[in-house]
Amino acid sequence: MTIKKEIDIEKKPTKKQIKMLEELEAAPVSYDDDCPELTEEELLQFRRISDNRNNDRKKQTVSLRLSPQALKKARSLGKGYTSVLSRMLESVLSNNELIKKYL
């Protein structure tokens, strides 16, 4: 049985979504011909793509000043909020109209 659900990563998960994720985490994994269990040898062959091929995606540490309100809102996003901020910045910086709006 396959269950497909779309989750908007911009919004906090609902109680129903959290319950679904908890149930899925506890569910047993069922392997088949299309998705066989990988051996230890096969697992050792995996590498992060960013380690070898996407050096332009390597994150750099920077310091910036945020208003107390912006920092509070960012922290309210929970663990990983700095990664969310990074994706938001990338999105805005790729949109010239938004850049002009804030200059």
Protein backbone atom coordinates (compact mmCIF):
# COMPACT_ATOMS: atom_id res chain seq x y z
CA MET A 1 0.00 0.00 0.00
CA THR A 2 1.34 3.41 -0.97
CA ILE A 3 0.25 6.58 0.78
CA LYS A 4 1.14 9.91 -0.80
CA LYS A 5 0.74 13.11 1.16
CA GLU A 6 1.94 16.60 0.29
CA ILE A 7 3.20 18.72 3.14
CA ASP A 8 3.75 22.45 2.78
CA ILE A 9 7.17 22.99 4.39
CA GLU A 10 6.38 26.68 4.81
CA LYS A 11 3.75 25.84 7.45
CA LYS A 12 4.08 24.09 10.79
CA PRO A 13 2.78 20.52 10.61
CA THR A 14 -0.73 19.94 11.90
CA LYS A 15 -1.46 17.54 14.77
CA LYS A 16 -2.82 15.10 12.19
CA GLN A 17 0.40 15.32 10.14
CA ILE A 18 2.58 14.84 13.24
CA LYS A 19 0.54 11.77 14.21
CA MET A 20 0.89 10.39 10.65
CA LEU A 21 4.67 10.87 10.73
CA GLU A 22 4.93 9.20 14.14
CA GLU A 23 2.90 6.24 12.87
CA LEU A 24 5.08 5.96 9.77
CA GLU A 25 8.24 6.07 11.88
CA ALA A 26 6.96 3.11 13.90
CA ALA A 27 5.79 1.14 10.85
CA PRO A 28 7.96 -1.75 9.64
CA VAL A 29 9.88 -1.34 6.39
CA SER A 30 8.79 -3.78 3.69
CA TYR A 31 11.33 -4.51 0.97
CA ASP A 32 10.45 -5.95 -2.45
CA ASP A 33 12.03 -6.49 -5.89
CA ASP A 34 11.67 -2.82 -6.78
CA CYS A 35 13.13 -1.68 -3.47
CA PRO A 36 15.42 -4.35 -2.03
CA GLU A 37 17.21 -3.97 1.28
CA LEU A 38 20.72 -2.63 0.70
CA THR A 39 23.76 -4.50 1.94
CA GLU A 40 26.39 -2.84 4.14
CA GLU A 41 28.68 -2.74 1.09
CA GLU A 42 26.06 -0.93 -0.97
CA LEU A 43 25.38 1.54 1.81
CA LEU A 44 29.09 2.38 2.06
CA GLN A 45 29.06 3.45 -1.60
CA PHE A 46 26.74 6.40 -0.86
CA ARG A 47 28.26 9.86 -0.55
CA ARG A 48 26.79 13.28 -0.18
CA ILE A 49 26.72 14.94 -3.55
CA SER A 50 27.63 18.26 -1.97
CA ASP A 51 30.89 16.75 -0.66
CA ASN A 52 32.22 16.19 -4.20
CA ARG A 53 30.27 17.97 -6.89
CA ASN A 54 28.49 21.04 -5.55
CA ASN A 55 31.22 23.13 -3.98
CA ASP A 56 29.18 26.22 -4.84
CA ARG A 57 26.51 24.89 -2.44
CA LYS A 58 28.98 24.65 0.44
CA LYS A 59 27.60 26.79 3.22
CA GLN A 60 29.61 29.62 4.67
CA THR A 61 29.26 31.19 8.08
CA VAL A 62 28.31 34.87 8.12
CA SER A 63 27.15 37.31 10.74
CA LEU A 64 24.21 39.63 10.26
CA ARG A 65 22.07 41.82 12.43
CA LEU A 66 18.37 41.05 12.76
CA SER A 67 15.66 43.00 14.51
CA PRO A 68 14.42 41.36 17.72
CA GLN A 69 11.07 40.70 15.98
CA ALA A 70 12.72 39.00 12.98
CA LEU A 71 14.92 36.86 15.24
CA LYS A 72 11.95 35.84 17.40
CA LYS A 73 9.93 34.87 14.32
CA ALA A 74 12.89 32.96 12.83
CA ARG A 75 13.51 31.04 16.05
CA SER A 76 9.80 30.18 16.25
CA LEU A 77 10.36 28.02 13.14
CA GLY A 78 12.13 25.56 15.43
CA LYS A 79 15.24 23.47 15.01
CA GLY A 80 16.89 24.15 11.66
CA TYR A 81 15.57 27.70 11.40
CA THR A 82 18.90 28.93 10.03
CA SER A 83 18.56 26.54 7.08
CA VAL A 84 15.04 27.85 6.48
CA LEU A 85 16.40 31.42 6.52
CA SER A 86 19.10 30.40 4.05
CA ARG A 87 16.51 28.96 1.63
CA MET A 88 14.35 32.07 2.02
CA LEU A 89 17.30 34.32 1.20
CA GLU A 90 18.18 32.24 -1.85
CA SER A 91 14.59 32.49 -3.04
CA VAL A 92 14.36 36.25 -2.56
CA LEU A 93 17.80 36.92 -4.03
CA SER A 94 16.85 35.05 -7.20
CA ASN A 95 13.86 37.38 -7.71
CA ASN A 96 14.92 40.79 -9.04
CA GLU A 97 11.52 42.35 -8.33
CA LEU A 98 11.76 41.44 -4.65
CA ILE A 99 15.32 42.73 -4.47
CA LYS A 100 14.21 46.10 -5.92
CA LYS A 101 11.32 46.22 -3.44
CA TYR A 102 13.70 46.09 -0.45
CA LEU A 103 16.46 48.37 -1.72
